[in-house]
Amino acid sequence: MIGFTSHDRFPSCLRDFIERIQEYIGLLACFPSILSIQKSAAEFIKTLQQRTASSDFTNAIHRGLVLNHVVLAEINFFQKEKVTDLKVYMKGLVDEQTEFYEKVSSSLRDASLSFK
C-alpha cells in the first residue's frame, strides 16, 4: 500500500517544480548575451563621447542610457519574480510532501493496529 502511494505521488509533485527550474535556467542562459550587448553599447557611447564634442550623437547616447536602464530594470524584475515564484513553489512542494508523509504515517499506524 505504501509502495503504491509513494510510486504514484512522489514524481508528480516534483514535476511542476522541475519544470519551473528549467524555465529559469533557460531565461538565465539569455542573460550573458544581453549583458554583452549592453556592454558593447556602453563602450560605443564612451568612445563617442571621447571622440566628439558635438551634440550630433545625443540621440545615440540617449538610446544607450535607455538600454542600460531597461536591462537593469529587467534584471531587478526577474530577481523579484524569481524569489516570489520559488517561495510559492517551495511552499506548495513542502505542503504536498507533508500531506504525502501524513498519508504514509497513517497507513503505518493502521498496519501497526492490525498486529494488536
PDB file of N, CA and C in Angstrom:
ATOM      1  N   MET A   1       0.824  -1.198   0.000  1.00  0.00           N
ATOM      2  CA  MET A   1       0.000   0.000   0.000  1.00  0.00           C
ATOM      3  C   MET A   1       0.864   1.257   0.000  1.00  0.00           C
ATOM      4  N   ILE A   2       1.869   1.293   0.878  1.00  0.00           N
ATOM      5  CA  ILE A   2       2.735   2.469   0.971  1.00  0.00           C
ATOM      6  C   ILE A   2       3.581   2.601  -0.286  1.00  0.00           C
ATOM      7  N   GLY A   3       4.032   1.464  -0.812  1.00  0.00           N
ATOM      8  CA  GLY A   3       4.831   1.494  -2.033  1.00  0.00           C
ATOM      9  C   GLY A   3       4.057   2.071  -3.204  1.00  0.00           C
ATOM     10  N   PHE A   4       2.794   1.710  -3.343  1.00  0.00           N
ATOM     11  CA  PHE A   4       1.987   2.262  -4.423  1.00  0.00           C
ATOM     12  C   PHE A   4       1.756   3.756  -4.237  1.00  0.00           C
ATOM     13  N   THR A   5       1.558   4.163  -3.004  1.00  0.00           N
ATOM     14  CA  THR A   5       1.340   5.581  -2.718  1.00  0.00           C
ATOM     15  C   THR A   5       2.567   6.395  -3.089  1.00  0.00           C
ATOM     16  N   SER A   6       3.742   5.915  -2.699  1.00  0.00           N
ATOM     17  CA  SER A   6       4.962   6.678  -2.986  1.00  0.00           C
ATOM     18  C   SER A   6       5.291   6.653  -4.466  1.00  0.00           C
ATOM     19  N   HIS A   7       5.013   5.546  -5.134  1.00  0.00           N
ATOM     20  CA  HIS A   7       5.315   5.457  -6.558  1.00  0.00           C
ATOM     21  C   HIS A   7       4.434   6.396  -7.372  1.00  0.00           C
ATOM     22  N   ASP A   8       3.168   6.501  -7.030  1.00  0.00           N
ATOM     23  CA  ASP A   8       2.246   7.341  -7.794  1.00  0.00           C
ATOM     24  C   ASP A   8       2.360   8.818  -7.440  1.00  0.00           C
ATOM     25  N   ARG A   9       2.644   9.130  -6.219  1.00  0.00           N
ATOM     26  CA  ARG A   9       2.536  10.508  -5.736  1.00  0.00           C
ATOM     27  C   ARG A   9       3.823  11.309  -5.881  1.00  0.00           C
ATOM     28  N   PHE A  10       4.943  10.723  -5.545  1.00  0.00           N
ATOM     29  CA  PHE A  10       6.175  11.496  -5.417  1.00  0.00           C
ATOM     30  C   PHE A  10       6.629  12.151  -6.726  1.00  0.00           C
ATOM     31  N   PRO A  11       6.691  11.454  -7.861  1.00  0.00           N
ATOM     32  CA  PRO A  11       7.155  12.128  -9.080  1.00  0.00           C
ATOM     33  C   PRO A  11       6.221  13.235  -9.558  1.00  0.00           C
ATOM     34  N   SER A  12       4.937  13.098  -9.350  1.00  0.00           N
ATOM     35  CA  SER A  12       4.007  14.113  -9.856  1.00  0.00           C
ATOM     36  C   SER A  12       4.131  15.431  -9.108  1.00  0.00           C
ATOM     37  N   CYS A  13       4.476  15.392  -7.827  1.00  0.00           N
ATOM     38  CA  CYS A  13       4.560  16.639  -7.070  1.00  0.00           C
ATOM     39  C   CYS A  13       5.837  17.405  -7.394  1.00  0.00           C
ATOM     40  N   LEU A  14       6.848  16.739  -7.883  1.00  0.00           N
ATOM     41  CA  LEU A  14       8.092  17.423  -8.233  1.00  0.00           C
ATOM     42  C   LEU A  14       8.119  17.926  -9.671  1.00  0.00           C
ATOM     43  N   ARG A  15       7.234  17.413 -10.511  1.00  0.00           N
ATOM     44  CA  ARG A  15       7.262  17.752 -11.928  1.00  0.00           C
ATOM     45  C   ARG A  15       7.115  19.253 -12.171  1.00  0.00           C
ATOM     46  N   ASP A  16       6.145  19.895 -11.531  1.00  0.00           N
ATOM     47  CA  ASP A  16       5.951  21.336 -11.720  1.00  0.00           C
ATOM     48  C   ASP A  16       7.154  22.133 -11.241  1.00  0.00           C
ATOM     49  N   PHE A  17       7.722  21.721 -10.128  1.00  0.00           N
ATOM     50  CA  PHE A  17       8.892  22.419  -9.597  1.00  0.00           C
ATOM     51  C   PHE A  17      10.082  22.292 -10.549  1.00  0.00           C
ATOM     52  N   ILE A  18      10.308  21.104 -11.075  1.00  0.00           N
ATOM     53  CA  ILE A  18      11.426  20.896 -12.002  1.00  0.00           C
ATOM     54  C   ILE A  18      11.202  21.666 -13.294  1.00  0.00           C
ATOM     55  N   GLU A  19       9.962  21.702 -13.785  1.00  0.00           N
ATOM     56  CA  GLU A  19       9.669  22.476 -14.993  1.00  0.00           C
ATOM     57  C   GLU A  19       9.940  23.958 -14.778  1.00  0.00           C
ATOM     58  N   ARG A  20       9.579  24.477 -13.626  1.00  0.00           N
ATOM     59  CA  ARG A  20       9.822  25.889 -13.322  1.00  0.00           C
ATOM     60  C   ARG A  20      11.324  26.175 -13.256  1.00  0.00           C
ATOM     61  N   ILE A  21      12.076  25.278 -12.651  1.00  0.00           N
ATOM     62  CA  ILE A  21      13.529  25.447 -12.584  1.00  0.00           C
ATOM     63  C   ILE A  21      14.126  25.431 -13.991  1.00  0.00           C
ATOM     64  N   GLN A  22      13.626  24.559 -14.854  1.00  0.00           N
ATOM     65  CA  GLN A  22      14.123  24.507 -16.233  1.00  0.00           C
ATOM     66  C   GLN A  22      13.814  25.803 -16.980  1.00  0.00           C
ATOM     67  N   GLU A  23      12.654  26.391 -16.731  1.00  0.00           N
ATOM     68  CA  GLU A  23      12.329  27.682 -17.345  1.00  0.00           C
ATOM     69  C   GLU A  23      13.308  28.755 -16.897  1.00  0.00           C
ATOM     70  N   TYR A  24      13.622  28.776 -15.622  1.00  0.00           N
ATOM     71  CA  TYR A  24      14.575  29.765 -15.117  1.00  0.00           C
ATOM     72  C   TYR A  24      15.973  29.540 -15.677  1.00  0.00           C
ATOM     73  N   ILE A  25      16.362  28.292 -15.854  1.00  0.00           N
ATOM     74  CA  ILE A  25      17.665  28.010 -16.454  1.00  0.00           C
ATOM     75  C   ILE A  25      17.695  28.529 -17.883  1.00  0.00           C
ATOM     76  N   GLY A  26      16.605  28.351 -18.622  1.00  0.00           N
ATOM     77  CA  GLY A  26      16.531  28.871 -19.983  1.00  0.00           C
ATOM     78  C   GLY A  26      16.603  30.385 -20.029  1.00  0.00           C
ATOM     79  N   LEU A  27      15.911  31.040 -19.109  1.00  0.00           N
ATOM     80  CA  LEU A  27      15.970  32.501 -19.063  1.00  0.00           C
ATOM     81  C   LEU A  27      17.357  32.998 -18.684  1.00  0.00           C
ATOM     82  N   LEU A  28      17.967  32.339 -17.728  1.00  0.00           N
ATOM     83  CA  LEU A  28      19.301  32.751 -17.296  1.00  0.00           C
ATOM     84  C   LEU A  28      20.346  32.533 -18.384  1.00  0.00           C
ATOM     85  N   ALA A  29      20.108  31.588 -19.283  1.00  0.00           N
ATOM     86  CA  ALA A  29      21.047  31.352 -20.380  1.00  0.00           C
ATOM     87  C   ALA A  29      21.099  32.536 -21.339  1.00  0.00           C
ATOM     88  N   CYS A  30      20.038  33.343 -21.380  1.00  0.00           N
ATOM     89  CA  CYS A  30      19.997  34.512 -22.265  1.00  0.00           C
ATOM     90  C   CYS A  30      20.728  35.720 -21.681  1.00  0.00           C
ATOM     91  N   PHE A  31      20.923  35.754 -20.396  1.00  0.00           N
ATOM     92  CA  PHE A  31      21.500  36.935 -19.760  1.00  0.00           C
ATOM     93  C   PHE A  31      22.920  37.268 -20.213  1.00  0.00           C
ATOM     94  N   PRO A  32      23.819  36.310 -20.437  1.00  0.00           N
ATOM     95  CA  PRO A  32      25.158  36.705 -20.897  1.00  0.00           C
ATOM     96  C   PRO A  32      25.148  37.460 -22.223  1.00  0.00           C
ATOM     97  N   SER A  33      24.312  37.039 -23.160  1.00  0.00           N
ATOM     98  CA  SER A  33      24.259  37.757 -24.437  1.00  0.00           C
ATOM     99  C   SER A  33      23.638  39.140 -24.265  1.00  0.00           C
ATOM    100  N   ILE A  34      22.636  39.256 -23.416  1.00  0.00           N
ATOM    101  CA  ILE A  34      22.026  40.565 -23.156  1.00  0.00           C
ATOM    102  C   ILE A  34      23.038  41.502 -22.513  1.00  0.00           C
ATOM    103  N   LEU A  35      23.784  40.984 -21.555  1.00  0.00           N
ATOM    104  CA  LEU A  35      24.785  41.815 -20.881  1.00  0.00           C
ATOM    105  C   LEU A  35      25.938  42.183 -21.805  1.00  0.00           C
ATOM    106  N   SER A  36      26.284  41.309 -22.745  1.00  0.00           N
ATOM    107  CA  SER A  36      27.351  41.664 -23.693  1.00  0.00           C
ATOM    108  C   SER A  36      26.883  42.752 -24.650  1.00  0.00           C
ATOM    109  N   ILE A  37      25.616  42.735 -25.036  1.00  0.00           N
ATOM    110  CA  ILE A  37      25.067  43.808 -25.877  1.00  0.00           C
ATOM    111  C   ILE A  37      25.082  45.120 -25.108  1.00  0.00           C
ATOM    112  N   GLN A  38      24.693  45.071 -23.852  1.00  0.00           N
ATOM    113  CA  GLN A  38      24.713  46.278 -23.025  1.00  0.00           C
ATOM    114  C   GLN A  38      26.140  46.800 -22.872  1.00  0.00           C
ATOM    115  N   LYS A  39      27.078  45.915 -22.685  1.00  0.00           N
ATOM    116  CA  LYS A  39      28.475  46.320 -22.514  1.00  0.00           C
ATOM    117  C   LYS A  39      29.016  46.956 -23.784  1.00  0.00           C
ATOM    118  N   SER A  40      28.723  46.357 -24.929  1.00  0.00           N
ATOM    119  CA  SER A  40      29.216  46.932 -26.188  1.00  0.00           C
ATOM    120  C   SER A  40      28.560  48.279 -26.469  1.00  0.00           C
ATOM    121  N   ALA A  41      27.295  48.437 -26.111  1.00  0.00           N
ATOM    122  CA  ALA A  41      26.633  49.733 -26.294  1.00  0.00           C
ATOM    123  C   ALA A  41      27.254  50.785 -25.384  1.00  0.00           C
ATOM    124  N   ALA A  42      27.567  50.415 -24.160  1.00  0.00           N
ATOM    125  CA  ALA A  42      28.196  51.357 -23.230  1.00  0.00           C
ATOM    126  C   ALA A  42      29.588  51.752 -23.709  1.00  0.00           C
ATOM    127  N   GLU A  43      30.335  50.794 -24.248  1.00  0.00           N
ATOM    128  CA  GLU A  43      31.665  51.105 -24.783  1.00  0.00           C
ATOM    129  C   GLU A  43      31.567  52.012 -26.001  1.00  0.00           C
ATOM    130  N   PHE A  44      30.574  51.778 -26.855  1.00  0.00           N
ATOM    131  CA  PHE A  44      30.376  52.613 -28.041  1.00  0.00           C
ATOM    132  C   PHE A  44      30.054  54.048 -27.632  1.00  0.00           C
ATOM    133  N   ILE A  45      29.195  54.204 -26.658  1.00  0.00           N
ATOM    134  CA  ILE A  45      28.841  55.549 -26.174  1.00  0.00           C
ATOM    135  C   ILE A  45      30.055  56.232 -25.562  1.00  0.00           C
ATOM    136  N   LYS A  46      30.844  55.475 -24.845  1.00  0.00           N
ATOM    137  CA  LYS A  46      32.045  56.037 -24.228  1.00  0.00           C
ATOM    138  C   LYS A  46      33.020  56.545 -25.290  1.00  0.00           C
ATOM    139  N   THR A  47      33.207  55.773 -26.344  1.00  0.00           N
ATOM    140  CA  THR A  47      34.104  56.217 -27.423  1.00  0.00           C
ATOM    141  C   THR A  47      33.520  57.407 -28.164  1.00  0.00           C
ATOM    142  N   LEU A  48      32.207  57.442 -28.333  1.00  0.00           N
ATOM    143  CA  LEU A  48      31.575  58.602 -28.980  1.00  0.00           C
ATOM    144  C   LEU A  48      31.799  59.864 -28.159  1.00  0.00           C
ATOM    145  N   GLN A  49      31.634  59.753 -26.880  1.00  0.00           N
ATOM    146  CA  GLN A  49      31.803  60.919 -26.018  1.00  0.00           C
ATOM    147  C   GLN A  49      33.254  61.385 -25.989  1.00  0.00           C
ATOM    148  N   GLN A  50      34.191  60.478 -26.123  1.00  0.00           N
ATOM    149  CA  GLN A  50      35.600  60.857 -26.105  1.00  0.00           C
ATOM    150  C   GLN A  50      36.036  61.482 -27.423  1.00  0.00           C
ATOM    151  N   ARG A  51      35.505  61.018 -28.538  1.00  0.00           N
ATOM    152  CA  ARG A  51      35.959  61.467 -29.854  1.00  0.00           C
ATOM    153  C   ARG A  51      35.288  62.753 -30.314  1.00  0.00           C
ATOM    154  N   THR A  52      34.046  62.919 -29.961  1.00  0.00           N
ATOM    155  CA  THR A  52      33.328  64.087 -30.471  1.00  0.00           C
ATOM    156  C   THR A  52      32.783  64.914 -29.324  1.00  0.00           C
ATOM    157  N   ALA A  53      32.848  66.209 -29.531  1.00  0.00           N
ATOM    158  CA  ALA A  53      32.286  67.127 -28.538  1.00  0.00           C
ATOM    159  C   ALA A  53      30.962  67.697 -29.020  1.00  0.00           C
ATOM    160  N   SER A  54      30.579  67.357 -30.240  1.00  0.00           N
ATOM    161  CA  SER A  54      29.334  67.906 -30.784  1.00  0.00           C
ATOM    162  C   SER A  54      28.134  67.138 -30.246  1.00  0.00           C
ATOM    163  N   SER A  55      26.990  67.720 -30.444  1.00  0.00           N
ATOM    164  CA  SER A  55      25.756  67.108 -29.950  1.00  0.00           C
ATOM    165  C   SER A  55      25.046  66.314 -31.036  1.00  0.00           C
ATOM    166  N   ASP A  56      25.783  65.905 -32.063  1.00  0.00           N
ATOM    167  CA  ASP A  56      25.173  65.135 -33.149  1.00  0.00           C
ATOM    168  C   ASP A  56      24.761  63.736 -32.692  1.00  0.00           C
ATOM    169  N   PHE A  57      25.403  63.249 -31.677  1.00  0.00           N
ATOM    170  CA  PHE A  57      25.157  61.883 -31.239  1.00  0.00           C
ATOM    171  C   PHE A  57      24.347  61.808 -29.944  1.00  0.00           C
ATOM    172  N   THR A  58      23.638  62.854 -29.624  1.00  0.00           N
ATOM    173  CA  THR A  58      22.852  62.841 -28.384  1.00  0.00           C
ATOM    174  C   THR A  58      21.756  61.779 -28.422  1.00  0.00           C
ATOM    175  N   ASN A  59      21.201  61.538 -29.615  1.00  0.00           N
ATOM    176  CA  ASN A  59      20.160  60.516 -29.742  1.00  0.00           C
ATOM    177  C   ASN A  59      20.739  59.130 -29.454  1.00  0.00           C
ATOM    178  N   ALA A  60      21.925  58.860 -29.984  1.00  0.00           N
ATOM    179  CA  ALA A  60      22.568  57.561 -29.734  1.00  0.00           C
ATOM    180  C   ALA A  60      22.929  57.416 -28.259  1.00  0.00           C
ATOM    181  N   ILE A  61      23.414  58.484 -27.663  1.00  0.00           N
ATOM    182  CA  ILE A  61      23.766  58.443 -26.243  1.00  0.00           C
ATOM    183  C   ILE A  61      22.518  58.208 -25.397  1.00  0.00           C
ATOM    184  N   HIS A  62      21.427  58.876 -25.759  1.00  0.00           N
ATOM    185  CA  HIS A  62      20.164  58.688 -25.035  1.00  0.00           C
ATOM    186  C   HIS A  62      19.686  57.244 -25.154  1.00  0.00           C
ATOM    187  N   ARG A  63      19.776  56.683 -26.358  1.00  0.00           N
ATOM    188  CA  ARG A  63      19.358  55.290 -26.544  1.00  0.00           C
ATOM    189  C   ARG A  63      20.208  54.330 -25.714  1.00  0.00           C
ATOM    190  N   GLY A  64      21.488  54.603 -25.640  1.00  0.00           N
ATOM    191  CA  GLY A  64      22.360  53.764 -24.824  1.00  0.00           C
ATOM    192  C   GLY A  64      22.003  53.828 -23.355  1.00  0.00           C
ATOM    193  N   LEU A  65      21.686  55.020 -22.879  1.00  0.00           N
ATOM    194  CA  LEU A  65      21.283  55.165 -21.479  1.00  0.00           C
ATOM    195  C   LEU A  65      19.959  54.458 -21.207  1.00  0.00           C
ATOM    196  N   VAL A  66      19.044  54.566 -22.165  1.00  0.00           N
ATOM    197  CA  VAL A  66      17.758  53.866 -22.026  1.00  0.00           C
ATOM    198  C   VAL A  66      17.989  52.357 -21.990  1.00  0.00           C
ATOM    199  N   LEU A  67      18.887  51.875 -22.850  1.00  0.00           N
ATOM    200  CA  LEU A  67      19.206  50.447 -22.861  1.00  0.00           C
ATOM    201  C   LEU A  67      19.754  50.002 -21.505  1.00  0.00           C
ATOM    202  N   ASN A  68      20.633  50.792 -20.927  1.00  0.00           N
ATOM    203  CA  ASN A  68      21.176  50.461 -19.605  1.00  0.00           C
ATOM    204  C   ASN A  68      20.074  50.377 -18.555  1.00  0.00           C
ATOM    205  N   HIS A  69      19.181  51.346 -18.557  1.00  0.00           N
ATOM    206  CA  HIS A  69      18.094  51.352 -17.572  1.00  0.00           C
ATOM    207  C   HIS A  69      17.139  50.175 -17.778  1.00  0.00           C
ATOM    208  N   VAL A  70      16.866  49.858 -19.036  1.00  0.00           N
ATOM    209  CA  VAL A  70      15.955  48.747 -19.321  1.00  0.00           C
ATOM    210  C   VAL A  70      16.560  47.420 -18.863  1.00  0.00           C
ATOM    211  N   VAL A  71      17.831  47.216 -19.162  1.00  0.00           N
ATOM    212  CA  VAL A  71      18.476  45.961 -18.758  1.00  0.00           C
ATOM    213  C   VAL A  71      18.499  45.836 -17.238  1.00  0.00           C
ATOM    214  N   LEU A  72      18.849  46.905 -16.552  1.00  0.00           N
ATOM    215  CA  LEU A  72      18.863  46.853 -15.088  1.00  0.00           C
ATOM    216  C   LEU A  72      17.463  46.635 -14.513  1.00  0.00           C
ATOM    217  N   ALA A  73      16.458  47.262 -15.130  1.00  0.00           N
ATOM    218  CA  ALA A  73      15.079  47.061 -14.665  1.00  0.00           C
ATOM    219  C   ALA A  73      14.637  45.615 -14.883  1.00  0.00           C
ATOM    220  N   GLU A  74      15.010  45.032 -16.019  1.00  0.00           N
ATOM    221  CA  GLU A  74      14.641  43.641 -16.286  1.00  0.00           C
ATOM    222  C   GLU A  74      15.323  42.685 -15.313  1.00  0.00           C
ATOM    223  N   ILE A  75      16.583  42.942 -15.011  1.00  0.00           N
ATOM    224  CA  ILE A  75      17.293  42.095 -14.050  1.00  0.00           C
ATOM    225  C   ILE A  75      16.639  42.201 -12.678  1.00  0.00           C
ATOM    226  N   ASN A  76      16.297  43.402 -12.278  1.00  0.00           N
ATOM    227  CA  ASN A  76      15.645  43.610 -10.984  1.00  0.00           C
ATOM    228  C   ASN A  76      14.284  42.917 -10.940  1.00  0.00           C
ATOM    229  N   PHE A  77      13.496  43.074 -12.001  1.00  0.00           N
ATOM    230  CA  PHE A  77      12.182  42.439 -12.072  1.00  0.00           C
ATOM    231  C   PHE A  77      12.312  40.921 -12.054  1.00  0.00           C
ATOM    232  N   PHE A  78      13.263  40.391 -12.827  1.00  0.00           N
ATOM    233  CA  PHE A  78      13.478  38.946 -12.868  1.00  0.00           C
ATOM    234  C   PHE A  78      13.828  38.415 -11.484  1.00  0.00           C
ATOM    235  N   GLN A  79      14.695  39.117 -10.785  1.00  0.00           N
ATOM    236  CA  GLN A  79      15.105  38.682  -9.448  1.00  0.00           C
ATOM    237  C   GLN A  79      13.911  38.656  -8.489  1.00  0.00           C
ATOM    238  N   LYS A  80      13.101  39.715  -8.511  1.00  0.00           N
ATOM    239  CA  LYS A  80      11.939  39.762  -7.612  1.00  0.00           C
ATOM    240  C   LYS A  80      10.935  38.659  -7.932  1.00  0.00           C
ATOM    241  N   GLU A  81      10.655  38.452  -9.219  1.00  0.00           N
ATOM    242  CA  GLU A  81       9.699  37.422  -9.613  1.00  0.00           C
ATOM    243  C   GLU A  81      10.227  36.029  -9.306  1.00  0.00           C
ATOM    244  N   LYS A  82      11.522  35.829  -9.512  1.00  0.00           N
ATOM    245  CA  LYS A  82      12.121  34.525  -9.227  1.00  0.00           C
ATOM    246  C   LYS A  82      11.989  34.187  -7.749  1.00  0.00           C
ATOM    247  N   VAL A  83      12.272  35.149  -6.907  1.00  0.00           N
ATOM    248  CA  VAL A  83      12.175  34.916  -5.463  1.00  0.00           C
ATOM    249  C   VAL A  83      10.734  34.605  -5.075  1.00  0.00           C
ATOM    250  N   THR A  84       9.792  35.381  -5.601  1.00  0.00           N
ATOM    251  CA  THR A  84       8.375  35.156  -5.290  1.00  0.00           C
ATOM    252  C   THR A  84       7.913  33.797  -5.795  1.00  0.00           C
ATOM    253  N   ASP A  85       8.237  33.476  -7.054  1.00  0.00           N
ATOM    254  CA  ASP A  85       7.824  32.193  -7.620  1.00  0.00           C
ATOM    255  C   ASP A  85       8.415  31.019  -6.854  1.00  0.00           C
ATOM    256  N   LEU A  86       9.690  31.097  -6.544  1.00  0.00           N
ATOM    257  CA  LEU A  86      10.318  29.978  -5.847  1.00  0.00           C
ATOM    258  C   LEU A  86       9.758  29.803  -4.444  1.00  0.00           C
ATOM    259  N   LYS A  87       9.408  30.897  -3.787  1.00  0.00           N
ATOM    260  CA  LYS A  87       8.778  30.770  -2.467  1.00  0.00           C
ATOM    261  C   LYS A  87       7.439  30.050  -2.586  1.00  0.00           C
ATOM    262  N   VAL A  88       6.644  30.436  -3.583  1.00  0.00           N
ATOM    263  CA  VAL A  88       5.335  29.815  -3.771  1.00  0.00           C
ATOM    264  C   VAL A  88       5.491  28.336  -4.109  1.00  0.00           C
ATOM    265  N   TYR A  89       6.403  28.022  -5.042  1.00  0.00           N
ATOM    266  CA  TYR A  89       6.584  26.627  -5.427  1.00  0.00           C
ATOM    267  C   TYR A  89       7.165  25.786  -4.293  1.00  0.00           C
ATOM    268  N   MET A  90       8.101  26.348  -3.540  1.00  0.00           N
ATOM    269  CA  MET A  90       8.664  25.595  -2.420  1.00  0.00           C
ATOM    270  C   MET A  90       7.616  25.351  -1.341  1.00  0.00           C
ATOM    271  N   LYS A  91       6.763  26.347  -1.078  1.00  0.00           N
ATOM    272  CA  LYS A  91       5.699  26.153  -0.095  1.00  0.00           C
ATOM    273  C   LYS A  91       4.746  25.063  -0.562  1.00  0.00           C
ATOM    274  N   GLY A  92       4.364  25.111  -1.836  1.00  0.00           N
ATOM    275  CA  GLY A  92       3.492  24.071  -2.374  1.00  0.00           C
ATOM    276  C   GLY A  92       4.133  22.697  -2.324  1.00  0.00           C
ATOM    277  N   LEU A  93       5.421  22.646  -2.655  1.00  0.00           N
ATOM    278  CA  LEU A  93       6.136  21.377  -2.626  1.00  0.00           C
ATOM    279  C   LEU A  93       6.215  20.820  -1.209  1.00  0.00           C
ATOM    280  N   VAL A  94       6.531  21.670  -0.251  1.00  0.00           N
ATOM    281  CA  VAL A  94       6.611  21.220   1.142  1.00  0.00           C
ATOM    282  C   VAL A  94       5.232  20.801   1.651  1.00  0.00           C
ATOM    283  N   ASP A  95       4.195  21.548   1.283  1.00  0.00           N
ATOM    284  CA  ASP A  95       2.837  21.172   1.699  1.00  0.00           C
ATOM    285  C   ASP A  95       2.438  19.816   1.123  1.00  0.00           C
ATOM    286  N   GLU A  96       2.752  19.591  -0.164  1.00  0.00           N
ATOM    287  CA  GLU A  96       2.426  18.306  -0.782  1.00  0.00           C
ATOM    288  C   GLU A  96       3.213  17.169  -0.147  1.00  0.00           C
ATOM    289  N   GLN A  97       4.480  17.422   0.149  1.00  0.00           N
ATOM    290  CA  GLN A  97       5.291  16.391   0.797  1.00  0.00           C
ATOM    291  C   GLN A  97       4.769  16.086   2.202  1.00  0.00           C
ATOM    292  N   THR A  98       4.361  17.121   2.920  1.00  0.00           N
ATOM    293  CA  THR A  98       3.797  16.917   4.260  1.00  0.00           C
ATOM    294  C   THR A  98       2.535  16.076   4.182  1.00  0.00           C
ATOM    295  N   GLU A  99       1.675  16.392   3.228  1.00  0.00           N
ATOM    296  CA  GLU A  99       0.441  15.623   3.044  1.00  0.00           C
ATOM    297  C   GLU A  99       0.764  14.172   2.693  1.00  0.00           C
ATOM    298  N   PHE A 100       1.743  13.985   1.810  1.00  0.00           N
ATOM    299  CA  PHE A 100       2.135  12.638   1.404  1.00  0.00           C
ATOM    300  C   PHE A 100       2.629  11.825   2.601  1.00  0.00           C
ATOM    301  N   TYR A 101       3.521  12.414   3.390  1.00  0.00           N
ATOM    302  CA  TYR A 101       4.079  11.668   4.519  1.00  0.00           C
ATOM    303  C   TYR A 101       3.058  11.476   5.640  1.00  0.00           C
ATOM    304  N   GLU A 102       2.069  12.353   5.745  1.00  0.00           N
ATOM    305  CA  GLU A 102       0.980  12.118   6.695  1.00  0.00           C
ATOM    306  C   GLU A 102       0.170  10.897   6.274  1.00  0.00           C
ATOM    307  N   LYS A 103      -0.048  10.750   4.958  1.00  0.00           N
ATOM    308  CA  LYS A 103      -0.750   9.555   4.476  1.00  0.00           C
ATOM    309  C   LYS A 103       0.063   8.296   4.752  1.00  0.00           C
ATOM    310  N   VAL A 104       1.380   8.385   4.536  1.00  0.00           N
ATOM    311  CA  VAL A 104       2.242   7.229   4.803  1.00  0.00           C
ATOM    312  C   VAL A 104       2.207   6.877   6.284  1.00  0.00           C
ATOM    313  N   SER A 105       2.297   7.883   7.149  1.00  0.00           N
ATOM    314  CA  SER A 105       2.289   7.597   8.594  1.00  0.00           C
ATOM    315  C   SER A 105       0.938   7.040   9.039  1.00  0.00           C
ATOM    316  N   SER A 106      -0.155   7.516   8.455  1.00  0.00           N
ATOM    317  CA  SER A 106      -1.462   6.952   8.829  1.00  0.00           C
ATOM    318  C   SER A 106      -1.580   5.511   8.341  1.00  0.00           C
ATOM    319  N   SER A 107      -1.003   5.205   7.183  1.00  0.00           N
ATOM    320  CA  SER A 107      -1.002   3.814   6.712  1.00  0.00           C
ATOM    321  C   SER A 107      -0.180   2.932   7.636  1.00  0.00           C
ATOM    322  N   LEU A 108       0.944   3.457   8.112  1.00  0.00           N
ATOM    323  CA  LEU A 108       1.765   2.691   9.057  1.00  0.00           C
ATOM    324  C   LEU A 108       1.051   2.491  10.389  1.00  0.00           C
ATOM    325  N   ARG A 109       0.313   3.504  10.848  1.00  0.00           N
ATOM    326  CA  ARG A 109      -0.460   3.351  12.088  1.00  0.00           C
ATOM    327  C   ARG A 109      -1.525   2.272  11.932  1.00  0.00           C
ATOM    328  N   ASP A 110      -2.209   2.299  10.784  1.00  0.00           N
ATOM    329  CA  ASP A 110      -3.230   1.280  10.526  1.00  0.00           C
ATOM    330  C   ASP A 110      -2.612  -0.114  10.489  1.00  0.00           C
ATOM    331  N   ALA A 111      -1.436  -0.216   9.874  1.00  0.00           N
ATOM    332  CA  ALA A 111      -0.754  -1.517   9.822  1.00  0.00           C
ATOM    333  C   ALA A 111      -0.330  -1.952  11.217  1.00  0.00           C
ATOM    334  N   SER A 112       0.107  -1.004  12.025  1.00  0.00           N
ATOM    335  CA  SER A 112       0.515  -1.326  13.400  1.00  0.00           C
ATOM    336  C   SER A 112      -0.672  -1.814  14.225  1.00  0.00           C
ATOM    337  N   LEU A 113      -1.837  -1.215  14.016  1.00  0.00           N
ATOM    338  CA  LEU A 113      -3.032  -1.631  14.759  1.00  0.00           C
ATOM    339  C   LEU A 113      -3.474  -3.039  14.382  1.00  0.00           C
ATOM    340  N   SER A 114      -3.171  -3.448  13.166  1.00  0.00           N
ATOM    341  CA  SER A 114      -3.586  -4.789  12.756  1.00  0.00           C
ATOM    342  C   SER A 114      -2.786  -5.880  13.463  1.00  0.00           C
ATOM    343  N   PHE A 115      -1.633  -5.542  14.043  1.00  0.00           N
ATOM    344  CA  PHE A 115      -0.819  -6.521  14.767  1.00  0.00           C
ATOM    345  C   PHE A 115      -1.219  -6.662  16.230  1.00  0.00           C
ATOM    346  N   LYS A 116      -2.111  -5.857  16.732  1.00  0.00           N
ATOM    347  CA  LYS A 116      -2.510  -5.933  18.146  1.00  0.00           C
ATOM    348  C   LYS A 116      -3.572  -6.960  18.380  1.00  0.00           C
TER     349      LYS A 116
END
